[in-house]
Amino acid sequence: MEKTEGAVNQQGTLTEEAQLGWLGGIVDGEGSITVLITNRASENHNGFNLGPRICITNSNMLIIERAIEILKNHNVGAYVYNNKEPKKTPTRHPCKTITVCGWKRVHTALAVIIPYLVGKQQQARWLLELCESRLNRGVKVGKNIPYSEHEKELTDAIRTSNRTPQRLYASPVWPKTVMI
């Protein structure tokens, strides 16, 4: 693959825009943008907790390392997990997953990569709006602020858009204990 002139700086390395374009392509092709819903007993959380997530899974460690480097260069904290080696499919390669989670981290990451996404740009815009809503309402670790109806709608939109056609008619995305 040839690098275009505008993508390489005088030192022969990829420009920031080219790196972000590459990362956007990786997230579009190998990543996921979603909201994790977990059951919580706290009344302030209406029986559930939302967790924004951006994940990239790949077996090529060069891709994982480059993605981490670009995220770090943009002050985005991320966790890297070693996925368990598959037992049933020995031909599958071991892989790693980069996970950006938390309202502030996900907000920072999305603000940087949204212009470079294509297939997942709408999910990213919804998740950015959800992050902004939570952050503007003063969400902090250990501080319970109930979710607004709009935040629930954004979560449903994100999670529904991630479903494959086979899953479109599956049960609702909210835990059974939640009354919407």
N, C-alpha and C. Protein backbone atom coordinates (compact mmCIF):
# COMPACT_ATOMS: atom_id res chain seq x y z
N MET A 1 0.84 -1.18 0.00
CA MET A 1 0.00 0.00 0.00
C MET A 1 0.89 1.24 0.00
N GLU A 2 0.67 2.13 -0.93
CA GLU A 2 1.47 3.34 -1.02
C GLU A 2 0.91 4.42 -0.11
N LYS A 3 1.80 5.21 0.45
CA LYS A 3 1.40 6.34 1.26
C LYS A 3 1.33 7.55 0.35
N THR A 4 0.26 8.32 0.47
CA THR A 4 0.16 9.51 -0.35
C THR A 4 1.04 10.60 0.24
N GLU A 5 1.40 11.57 -0.59
CA GLU A 5 2.30 12.63 -0.13
C GLU A 5 1.77 13.35 1.09
N GLY A 6 0.47 13.65 1.12
CA GLY A 6 -0.11 14.39 2.23
C GLY A 6 -0.15 13.61 3.53
N ALA A 7 0.05 12.30 3.47
CA ALA A 7 -0.05 11.47 4.67
C ALA A 7 1.29 11.31 5.37
N VAL A 8 2.38 11.75 4.73
CA VAL A 8 3.72 11.57 5.29
C VAL A 8 4.35 12.93 5.52
N ASN A 9 4.94 13.12 6.71
CA ASN A 9 5.60 14.39 6.98
C ASN A 9 7.05 14.36 6.52
N GLN A 10 7.80 15.41 6.80
CA GLN A 10 9.18 15.51 6.33
C GLN A 10 10.09 14.43 6.91
N GLN A 11 9.75 13.92 8.08
CA GLN A 11 10.56 12.86 8.70
C GLN A 11 10.22 11.48 8.15
N GLY A 12 9.24 11.42 7.26
CA GLY A 12 8.86 10.14 6.67
C GLY A 12 7.89 9.33 7.50
N THR A 13 7.29 9.95 8.52
CA THR A 13 6.30 9.24 9.33
C THR A 13 4.90 9.72 8.98
N LEU A 14 3.92 8.92 9.35
CA LEU A 14 2.54 9.28 9.06
C LEU A 14 2.14 10.54 9.82
N THR A 15 1.41 11.42 9.16
CA THR A 15 0.92 12.62 9.82
C THR A 15 -0.15 12.23 10.83
N GLU A 16 -0.48 13.16 11.71
CA GLU A 16 -1.52 12.92 12.71
C GLU A 16 -2.84 12.57 12.04
N GLU A 17 -3.19 13.28 10.99
CA GLU A 17 -4.44 13.01 10.29
C GLU A 17 -4.44 11.61 9.68
N ALA A 18 -3.32 11.20 9.11
CA ALA A 18 -3.23 9.85 8.54
C ALA A 18 -3.35 8.79 9.63
N GLN A 19 -2.72 9.04 10.79
CA GLN A 19 -2.82 8.09 11.89
C GLN A 19 -4.26 7.96 12.39
N LEU A 20 -4.95 9.10 12.52
CA LEU A 20 -6.34 9.07 12.98
C LEU A 20 -7.24 8.40 11.95
N GLY A 21 -6.95 8.63 10.67
CA GLY A 21 -7.70 7.95 9.61
C GLY A 21 -7.49 6.44 9.69
N TRP A 22 -6.26 6.02 9.94
CA TRP A 22 -5.97 4.59 10.10
C TRP A 22 -6.73 4.03 11.29
N LEU A 23 -6.68 4.73 12.44
CA LEU A 23 -7.38 4.27 13.64
C LEU A 23 -8.89 4.20 13.41
N GLY A 24 -9.43 5.20 12.72
CA GLY A 24 -10.86 5.18 12.40
C GLY A 24 -11.22 3.96 11.56
N GLY A 25 -10.36 3.62 10.60
CA GLY A 25 -10.60 2.43 9.79
C GLY A 25 -10.53 1.15 10.60
N ILE A 26 -9.60 1.10 11.55
CA ILE A 26 -9.49 -0.08 12.41
C ILE A 26 -10.73 -0.21 13.29
N VAL A 27 -11.19 0.89 13.87
CA VAL A 27 -12.40 0.84 14.70
C VAL A 27 -13.60 0.43 13.85
N ASP A 28 -13.71 1.00 12.64
CA ASP A 28 -14.81 0.63 11.74
C ASP A 28 -14.78 -0.86 11.40
N GLY A 29 -13.60 -1.39 11.12
CA GLY A 29 -13.50 -2.76 10.65
C GLY A 29 -13.32 -3.82 11.72
N GLU A 30 -12.58 -3.49 12.77
CA GLU A 30 -12.23 -4.48 13.79
C GLU A 30 -12.77 -4.15 15.17
N GLY A 31 -13.44 -3.02 15.30
CA GLY A 31 -13.84 -2.56 16.62
C GLY A 31 -15.32 -2.60 16.88
N SER A 32 -15.67 -2.18 18.08
CA SER A 32 -17.08 -2.04 18.45
C SER A 32 -17.23 -0.78 19.29
N ILE A 33 -18.38 -0.16 19.13
CA ILE A 33 -18.74 1.03 19.88
C ILE A 33 -20.08 0.70 20.52
N THR A 34 -20.10 0.63 21.85
CA THR A 34 -21.33 0.16 22.49
C THR A 34 -21.46 0.69 23.90
N VAL A 35 -22.55 0.28 24.55
CA VAL A 35 -22.80 0.59 25.95
C VAL A 35 -23.08 -0.72 26.65
N LEU A 36 -22.33 -0.99 27.69
CA LEU A 36 -22.53 -2.20 28.49
C LEU A 36 -23.58 -1.89 29.55
N ILE A 37 -24.55 -2.78 29.71
CA ILE A 37 -25.58 -2.62 30.74
C ILE A 37 -25.35 -3.71 31.78
N THR A 38 -25.18 -3.29 33.03
CA THR A 38 -25.02 -4.25 34.12
C THR A 38 -26.10 -4.01 35.16
N ASN A 39 -26.55 -5.09 35.78
CA ASN A 39 -27.55 -4.98 36.84
C ASN A 39 -26.92 -4.36 38.08
N ARG A 40 -27.65 -3.47 38.72
CA ARG A 40 -27.20 -2.84 39.97
C ARG A 40 -28.37 -2.81 40.93
N ALA A 41 -28.10 -3.02 42.18
CA ALA A 41 -29.15 -2.99 43.19
C ALA A 41 -29.52 -1.57 43.60
N SER A 42 -28.66 -0.61 43.32
CA SER A 42 -28.87 0.77 43.75
C SER A 42 -30.13 1.36 43.13
N GLU A 43 -30.95 1.98 43.96
CA GLU A 43 -32.17 2.63 43.46
C GLU A 43 -31.84 3.83 42.59
N ASN A 44 -30.73 4.51 42.89
CA ASN A 44 -30.36 5.68 42.10
C ASN A 44 -30.04 5.33 40.65
N HIS A 45 -29.69 4.08 40.40
CA HIS A 45 -29.39 3.67 39.03
C HIS A 45 -30.56 2.95 38.39
N ASN A 46 -31.73 2.98 39.00
CA ASN A 46 -32.91 2.30 38.46
C ASN A 46 -32.67 0.82 38.25
N GLY A 47 -31.78 0.22 39.00
CA GLY A 47 -31.52 -1.21 38.90
C GLY A 47 -30.47 -1.60 37.86
N PHE A 48 -29.85 -0.64 37.21
CA PHE A 48 -28.84 -0.96 36.20
C PHE A 48 -27.78 0.13 36.15
N ASN A 49 -26.68 -0.19 35.51
CA ASN A 49 -25.59 0.75 35.33
C ASN A 49 -25.16 0.71 33.86
N LEU A 50 -24.85 1.85 33.28
CA LEU A 50 -24.39 1.93 31.89
C LEU A 50 -22.89 2.17 31.86
N GLY A 51 -22.21 1.51 30.94
CA GLY A 51 -20.77 1.69 30.78
C GLY A 51 -20.41 1.84 29.32
N PRO A 52 -19.97 3.03 28.89
CA PRO A 52 -19.59 3.22 27.49
C PRO A 52 -18.32 2.44 27.17
N ARG A 53 -18.23 1.91 25.94
CA ARG A 53 -17.08 1.09 25.55
C ARG A 53 -16.73 1.31 24.08
N ILE A 54 -15.42 1.37 23.84
CA ILE A 54 -14.89 1.26 22.49
C ILE A 54 -13.86 0.13 22.57
N CYS A 55 -14.01 -0.88 21.74
CA CYS A 55 -13.11 -2.03 21.78
C CYS A 55 -12.54 -2.30 20.39
N ILE A 56 -11.30 -2.76 20.36
CA ILE A 56 -10.65 -3.23 19.14
C ILE A 56 -10.03 -4.57 19.48
N THR A 57 -10.38 -5.60 18.72
CA THR A 57 -9.82 -6.93 18.94
C THR A 57 -9.08 -7.35 17.67
N ASN A 58 -7.86 -7.86 17.86
CA ASN A 58 -7.10 -8.31 16.70
C ASN A 58 -6.02 -9.28 17.15
N SER A 59 -5.62 -10.16 16.24
CA SER A 59 -4.55 -11.11 16.54
C SER A 59 -3.19 -10.59 16.08
N ASN A 60 -3.17 -9.50 15.32
CA ASN A 60 -1.92 -8.92 14.84
C ASN A 60 -1.43 -7.90 15.87
N MET A 61 -0.36 -8.22 16.56
CA MET A 61 0.14 -7.36 17.63
C MET A 61 0.65 -6.02 17.12
N LEU A 62 1.06 -5.94 15.85
CA LEU A 62 1.48 -4.66 15.29
C LEU A 62 0.30 -3.69 15.23
N ILE A 63 -0.87 -4.22 14.88
CA ILE A 63 -2.08 -3.39 14.84
C ILE A 63 -2.44 -2.93 16.25
N ILE A 64 -2.40 -3.83 17.20
CA ILE A 64 -2.72 -3.50 18.59
C ILE A 64 -1.76 -2.42 19.10
N GLU A 65 -0.46 -2.61 18.87
CA GLU A 65 0.54 -1.66 19.35
C GLU A 65 0.37 -0.28 18.71
N ARG A 66 0.09 -0.25 17.41
CA ARG A 66 -0.10 1.05 16.73
C ARG A 66 -1.34 1.75 17.25
N ALA A 67 -2.42 1.01 17.45
CA ALA A 67 -3.64 1.62 17.96
C ALA A 67 -3.42 2.20 19.36
N ILE A 68 -2.73 1.46 20.21
CA ILE A 68 -2.43 1.94 21.56
C ILE A 68 -1.58 3.21 21.49
N GLU A 69 -0.58 3.20 20.63
CA GLU A 69 0.30 4.37 20.48
C GLU A 69 -0.50 5.61 20.07
N ILE A 70 -1.40 5.46 19.11
CA ILE A 70 -2.21 6.60 18.64
C ILE A 70 -3.13 7.07 19.75
N LEU A 71 -3.75 6.15 20.47
CA LEU A 71 -4.62 6.54 21.58
C LEU A 71 -3.83 7.30 22.64
N LYS A 72 -2.65 6.79 23.00
CA LYS A 72 -1.82 7.47 24.00
C LYS A 72 -1.42 8.87 23.54
N ASN A 73 -1.10 9.00 22.25
CA ASN A 73 -0.72 10.30 21.71
C ASN A 73 -1.85 11.32 21.81
N HIS A 74 -3.07 10.84 21.98
CA HIS A 74 -4.23 11.73 22.10
C HIS A 74 -4.82 11.69 23.51
N ASN A 75 -3.99 11.28 24.46
CA ASN A 75 -4.37 11.26 25.88
C ASN A 75 -5.61 10.43 26.18
N VAL A 76 -5.71 9.30 25.50
CA VAL A 76 -6.82 8.39 25.73
C VAL A 76 -6.28 7.16 26.45
N GLY A 77 -6.75 6.95 27.67
CA GLY A 77 -6.35 5.77 28.41
C GLY A 77 -7.12 4.56 27.92
N ALA A 78 -6.46 3.42 27.89
CA ALA A 78 -7.09 2.18 27.42
C ALA A 78 -6.50 0.99 28.17
N TYR A 79 -7.29 -0.05 28.26
CA TYR A 79 -6.84 -1.32 28.84
C TYR A 79 -6.58 -2.29 27.70
N VAL A 80 -5.60 -3.16 27.88
CA VAL A 80 -5.33 -4.20 26.88
C VAL A 80 -5.49 -5.55 27.57
N TYR A 81 -6.33 -6.38 26.99
CA TYR A 81 -6.60 -7.70 27.54
C TYR A 81 -6.07 -8.78 26.62
N ASN A 82 -5.49 -9.82 27.20
CA ASN A 82 -5.15 -11.01 26.44
C ASN A 82 -6.38 -11.90 26.41
N ASN A 83 -6.89 -12.18 25.25
CA ASN A 83 -8.03 -13.07 25.15
C ASN A 83 -7.56 -14.50 25.32
N LYS A 84 -8.40 -15.31 25.91
CA LYS A 84 -8.05 -16.71 26.12
C LYS A 84 -7.86 -17.40 24.78
N GLU A 85 -6.92 -18.32 24.76
CA GLU A 85 -6.69 -19.08 23.52
C GLU A 85 -7.91 -19.97 23.27
N PRO A 86 -8.38 -19.96 22.04
CA PRO A 86 -9.56 -20.77 21.73
C PRO A 86 -9.27 -22.27 21.81
N LYS A 87 -10.13 -22.99 22.51
CA LYS A 87 -9.93 -24.44 22.65
C LYS A 87 -10.61 -25.21 21.52
N LYS A 88 -11.77 -24.74 21.11
CA LYS A 88 -12.54 -25.48 20.10
C LYS A 88 -12.06 -25.23 18.68
N THR A 89 -11.40 -24.11 18.47
CA THR A 89 -10.92 -23.79 17.12
C THR A 89 -9.41 -23.56 17.16
N PRO A 90 -8.63 -24.64 17.08
CA PRO A 90 -7.18 -24.52 17.21
C PRO A 90 -6.52 -23.70 16.10
N THR A 91 -7.22 -23.48 14.99
CA THR A 91 -6.63 -22.70 13.90
C THR A 91 -6.76 -21.21 14.14
N ARG A 92 -7.55 -20.82 15.12
CA ARG A 92 -7.71 -19.40 15.44
C ARG A 92 -6.50 -18.92 16.22
N HIS A 93 -6.05 -17.72 15.90
CA HIS A 93 -4.87 -17.15 16.56
C HIS A 93 -5.26 -16.48 17.87
N PRO A 94 -4.37 -16.50 18.85
CA PRO A 94 -4.63 -15.75 20.08
C PRO A 94 -4.69 -14.26 19.74
N CYS A 95 -5.53 -13.53 20.44
CA CYS A 95 -5.66 -12.11 20.14
C CYS A 95 -5.73 -11.29 21.41
N LYS A 96 -5.66 -9.98 21.22
CA LYS A 96 -5.76 -9.02 22.31
C LYS A 96 -6.91 -8.08 22.01
N THR A 97 -7.46 -7.53 23.08
CA THR A 97 -8.53 -6.54 22.95
C THR A 97 -8.12 -5.27 23.66
N ILE A 98 -8.21 -4.16 22.94
CA ILE A 98 -8.01 -2.84 23.52
C ILE A 98 -9.40 -2.36 23.92
N THR A 99 -9.55 -1.91 25.16
CA THR A 99 -10.84 -1.40 25.62
C THR A 99 -10.67 -0.01 26.20
N VAL A 100 -11.42 0.94 25.63
CA VAL A 100 -11.51 2.28 26.18
C VAL A 100 -12.87 2.32 26.88
N CYS A 101 -12.88 2.56 28.19
CA CYS A 101 -14.15 2.59 28.91
C CYS A 101 -14.15 3.74 29.90
N GLY A 102 -15.33 4.13 30.30
CA GLY A 102 -15.49 5.27 31.21
C GLY A 102 -15.95 6.49 30.43
N TRP A 103 -16.77 7.29 31.07
CA TRP A 103 -17.38 8.44 30.38
C TRP A 103 -16.35 9.41 29.83
N LYS A 104 -15.33 9.76 30.61
CA LYS A 104 -14.34 10.75 30.15
C LYS A 104 -13.43 10.18 29.07
N ARG A 105 -12.94 8.95 29.27
CA ARG A 105 -12.04 8.35 28.28
C ARG A 105 -12.73 8.15 26.93
N VAL A 106 -13.94 7.61 26.99
CA VAL A 106 -14.68 7.37 25.74
C VAL A 106 -14.99 8.70 25.06
N HIS A 107 -15.37 9.71 25.84
CA HIS A 107 -15.65 11.03 25.26
C HIS A 107 -14.41 11.57 24.55
N THR A 108 -13.26 11.48 25.20
CA THR A 108 -12.01 11.97 24.60
C THR A 108 -11.70 11.23 23.31
N ALA A 109 -11.83 9.91 23.33
CA ALA A 109 -11.53 9.09 22.14
C ALA A 109 -12.48 9.42 21.00
N LEU A 110 -13.78 9.52 21.29
CA LEU A 110 -14.75 9.79 20.23
C LEU A 110 -14.57 11.17 19.61
N ALA A 111 -14.26 12.15 20.45
CA ALA A 111 -14.04 13.50 19.93
C ALA A 111 -12.91 13.53 18.90
N VAL A 112 -11.96 12.61 19.05
CA VAL A 112 -10.81 12.55 18.15
C VAL A 112 -11.12 11.74 16.89
N ILE A 113 -11.82 10.61 17.01
CA ILE A 113 -11.94 9.70 15.86
C ILE A 113 -13.23 9.81 15.06
N ILE A 114 -14.26 10.48 15.57
CA ILE A 114 -15.54 10.54 14.83
C ILE A 114 -15.37 11.00 13.39
N PRO A 115 -14.58 12.04 13.10
CA PRO A 115 -14.46 12.47 11.71
C PRO A 115 -13.88 11.39 10.77
N TYR A 116 -13.23 10.39 11.34
CA TYR A 116 -12.55 9.38 10.54
C TYR A 116 -13.32 8.06 10.47
N LEU A 117 -14.48 8.01 11.10
CA LEU A 117 -15.31 6.80 11.03
C LEU A 117 -16.26 6.91 9.85
N VAL A 118 -16.63 5.76 9.33
CA VAL A 118 -17.60 5.72 8.24
C VAL A 118 -18.79 4.86 8.69
N GLY A 119 -18.58 3.56 8.80
CA GLY A 119 -19.66 2.64 9.12
C GLY A 119 -20.21 2.76 10.53
N LYS A 120 -19.39 3.20 11.46
CA LYS A 120 -19.81 3.29 12.86
C LYS A 120 -19.92 4.73 13.34
N GLN A 121 -19.98 5.67 12.39
CA GLN A 121 -20.00 7.07 12.78
C GLN A 121 -21.28 7.44 13.53
N GLN A 122 -22.43 6.92 13.12
CA GLN A 122 -23.67 7.26 13.82
C GLN A 122 -23.67 6.73 15.25
N GLN A 123 -23.22 5.48 15.44
CA GLN A 123 -23.13 4.94 16.80
C GLN A 123 -22.20 5.81 17.64
N ALA A 124 -21.09 6.23 17.05
CA ALA A 124 -20.14 7.07 17.77
C ALA A 124 -20.75 8.41 18.15
N ARG A 125 -21.54 8.99 17.25
CA ARG A 125 -22.19 10.28 17.55
C ARG A 125 -23.20 10.12 18.69
N TRP A 126 -23.97 9.03 18.67
CA TRP A 126 -24.92 8.78 19.76
C TRP A 126 -24.18 8.59 21.08
N LEU A 127 -23.08 7.81 21.05
CA LEU A 127 -22.33 7.54 22.28
C LEU A 127 -21.66 8.82 22.78
N LEU A 128 -21.17 9.66 21.88
CA LEU A 128 -20.59 10.94 22.29
C LEU A 128 -21.66 11.81 22.96
N GLU A 129 -22.85 11.84 22.39
CA GLU A 129 -23.95 12.60 22.99
C GLU A 129 -24.31 12.06 24.38
N LEU A 130 -24.30 10.74 24.52
CA LEU A 130 -24.58 10.12 25.81
C LEU A 130 -23.49 10.49 26.82
N CYS A 131 -22.22 10.41 26.41
CA CYS A 131 -21.11 10.79 27.30
C CYS A 131 -21.24 12.24 27.73
N GLU A 132 -21.54 13.12 26.78
CA GLU A 132 -21.67 14.55 27.10
C GLU A 132 -22.82 14.78 28.07
N SER A 133 -23.91 14.06 27.88
CA SER A 133 -25.05 14.19 28.78
C SER A 133 -24.68 13.80 30.20
N ARG A 134 -24.01 12.65 30.33
CA ARG A 134 -23.61 12.19 31.67
C ARG A 134 -22.58 13.14 32.30
N LEU A 135 -21.60 13.56 31.53
CA LEU A 135 -20.56 14.44 32.07
C LEU A 135 -21.13 15.82 32.44
N ASN A 136 -22.06 16.33 31.62
CA ASN A 136 -22.67 17.63 31.91
C ASN A 136 -23.56 17.57 33.15
N ARG A 137 -24.05 16.40 33.47
CA ARG A 137 -24.90 16.24 34.65
C ARG A 137 -24.07 15.95 35.90
N GLY A 138 -22.75 15.98 35.78
CA GLY A 138 -21.88 15.87 36.93
C GLY A 138 -21.58 14.46 37.38
N VAL A 139 -21.57 13.50 36.46
CA VAL A 139 -21.28 12.12 36.83
C VAL A 139 -19.83 12.01 37.29
N LYS A 140 -19.65 11.39 38.43
CA LYS A 140 -18.32 11.13 38.98
C LYS A 140 -18.33 9.74 39.57
N VAL A 141 -17.15 9.16 39.75
CA VAL A 141 -17.05 7.84 40.33
C VAL A 141 -17.71 7.86 41.71
N GLY A 142 -18.60 6.91 41.93
CA GLY A 142 -19.27 6.80 43.22
C GLY A 142 -20.45 7.73 43.39
N LYS A 143 -20.74 8.56 42.41
CA LYS A 143 -21.88 9.48 42.50
C LYS A 143 -22.99 8.95 41.60
N ASN A 144 -24.12 8.63 42.20
CA ASN A 144 -25.23 8.03 41.46
C ASN A 144 -26.19 9.10 40.97
N ILE A 145 -26.29 9.25 39.68
CA ILE A 145 -27.26 10.15 39.08
C ILE A 145 -28.14 9.30 38.18
N PRO A 146 -29.46 9.29 38.43
CA PRO A 146 -30.35 8.46 37.60
C PRO A 146 -30.22 8.82 36.12
N TYR A 147 -30.47 7.83 35.28
CA TYR A 147 -30.38 8.04 33.83
C TYR A 147 -31.66 8.71 33.34
N SER A 148 -31.51 9.69 32.46
CA SER A 148 -32.66 10.37 31.88
C SER A 148 -33.28 9.49 30.79
N GLU A 149 -34.49 9.83 30.41
CA GLU A 149 -35.14 9.10 29.32
C GLU A 149 -34.34 9.23 28.03
N HIS A 150 -33.79 10.41 27.79
CA HIS A 150 -32.99 10.61 26.57
C HIS A 150 -31.74 9.73 26.59
N GLU A 151 -31.10 9.61 27.75
CA GLU A 151 -29.92 8.75 27.86
C GLU A 151 -30.29 7.28 27.60
N LYS A 152 -31.45 6.87 28.06
CA LYS A 152 -31.91 5.50 27.79
C LYS A 152 -32.18 5.30 26.30
N GLU A 153 -32.78 6.32 25.67
CA GLU A 153 -33.05 6.25 24.23
C GLU A 153 -31.76 6.16 23.43
N LEU A 154 -30.76 6.96 23.81
CA LEU A 154 -29.47 6.90 23.12
C LEU A 154 -28.84 5.52 23.27
N THR A 155 -28.92 4.96 24.48
CA THR A 155 -28.37 3.62 24.73
C THR A 155 -29.07 2.59 23.87
N ASP A 156 -30.39 2.67 23.79
CA ASP A 156 -31.14 1.73 22.94
C ASP A 156 -30.73 1.86 21.48
N ALA A 157 -30.57 3.10 21.02
CA ALA A 157 -30.19 3.33 19.62
C ALA A 157 -28.81 2.72 19.32
N ILE A 158 -27.86 2.93 20.23
CA ILE A 158 -26.51 2.40 20.04
C ILE A 158 -26.54 0.88 20.01
N ARG A 159 -27.19 0.29 21.01
CA ARG A 159 -27.20 -1.16 21.13
C ARG A 159 -27.99 -1.81 19.99
N THR A 160 -29.08 -1.20 19.57
CA THR A 160 -29.86 -1.75 18.47
C THR A 160 -29.08 -1.69 17.16
N SER A 161 -28.35 -0.59 16.95
CA SER A 161 -27.59 -0.46 15.71
C SER A 161 -26.44 -1.47 15.63
N ASN A 162 -26.02 -2.00 16.77
CA ASN A 162 -24.95 -3.00 16.79
C ASN A 162 -25.45 -4.41 16.51
N ARG A 163 -26.74 -4.61 16.51
CA ARG A 163 -27.29 -5.95 16.35
C ARG A 163 -27.25 -6.38 14.89
N THR A 164 -26.91 -7.62 14.70
CA THR A 164 -26.94 -8.19 13.35
C THR A 164 -28.40 -8.47 13.00
N PRO A 165 -28.72 -8.67 11.72
CA PRO A 165 -30.12 -8.95 11.37
C PRO A 165 -30.71 -10.14 12.13
N GLN A 166 -29.90 -11.13 12.48
CA GLN A 166 -30.41 -12.28 13.21
C GLN A 166 -30.84 -11.91 14.62
N ARG A 167 -30.27 -10.83 15.16
CA ARG A 167 -30.57 -10.44 16.54
C ARG A 167 -31.60 -9.33 16.64
N LEU A 168 -32.08 -8.82 15.54
CA LEU A 168 -32.98 -7.68 15.59
C LEU A 168 -34.27 -7.98 16.34
N TYR A 169 -34.67 -9.22 16.37
CA TYR A 169 -35.93 -9.56 17.00
C TYR A 169 -35.71 -10.26 18.34
N ALA A 170 -34.54 -10.09 18.91
CA ALA A 170 -34.23 -10.68 20.21
C ALA A 170 -34.95 -9.90 21.30
N SER A 171 -34.83 -10.36 22.53
CA SER A 171 -35.49 -9.72 23.66
C SER A 171 -34.97 -8.30 23.85
N PRO A 172 -35.71 -7.47 24.57
CA PRO A 172 -35.29 -6.07 24.79
C PRO A 172 -33.91 -6.01 25.43
N VAL A 173 -33.21 -4.88 25.21
CA VAL A 173 -31.85 -4.74 25.69
C VAL A 173 -31.78 -4.42 27.18
N TRP A 174 -32.87 -3.97 27.79
CA TRP A 174 -32.83 -3.60 29.20
C TRP A 174 -33.02 -4.81 30.08
N PRO A 175 -32.33 -4.89 31.22
CA PRO A 175 -32.51 -6.00 32.15
C PRO A 175 -33.97 -6.09 32.60
N LYS A 176 -34.42 -7.27 32.93
CA LYS A 176 -35.82 -7.49 33.32
C LYS A 176 -36.22 -6.68 34.55
N THR A 177 -35.27 -6.35 35.41
CA THR A 177 -35.58 -5.63 36.63
C THR A 177 -35.85 -4.16 36.39
N VAL A 178 -35.64 -3.68 35.16
CA VAL A 178 -35.77 -2.26 34.86
C VAL A 178 -37.16 -1.97 34.34
N MET A 179 -37.80 -0.98 34.92
CA MET A 179 -39.09 -0.53 34.45
C MET A 179 -38.89 0.75 33.67
N ILE A 180 -39.14 0.73 32.38
CA ILE A 180 -38.93 1.93 31.55
C ILE A 180 -40.27 2.56 31.26
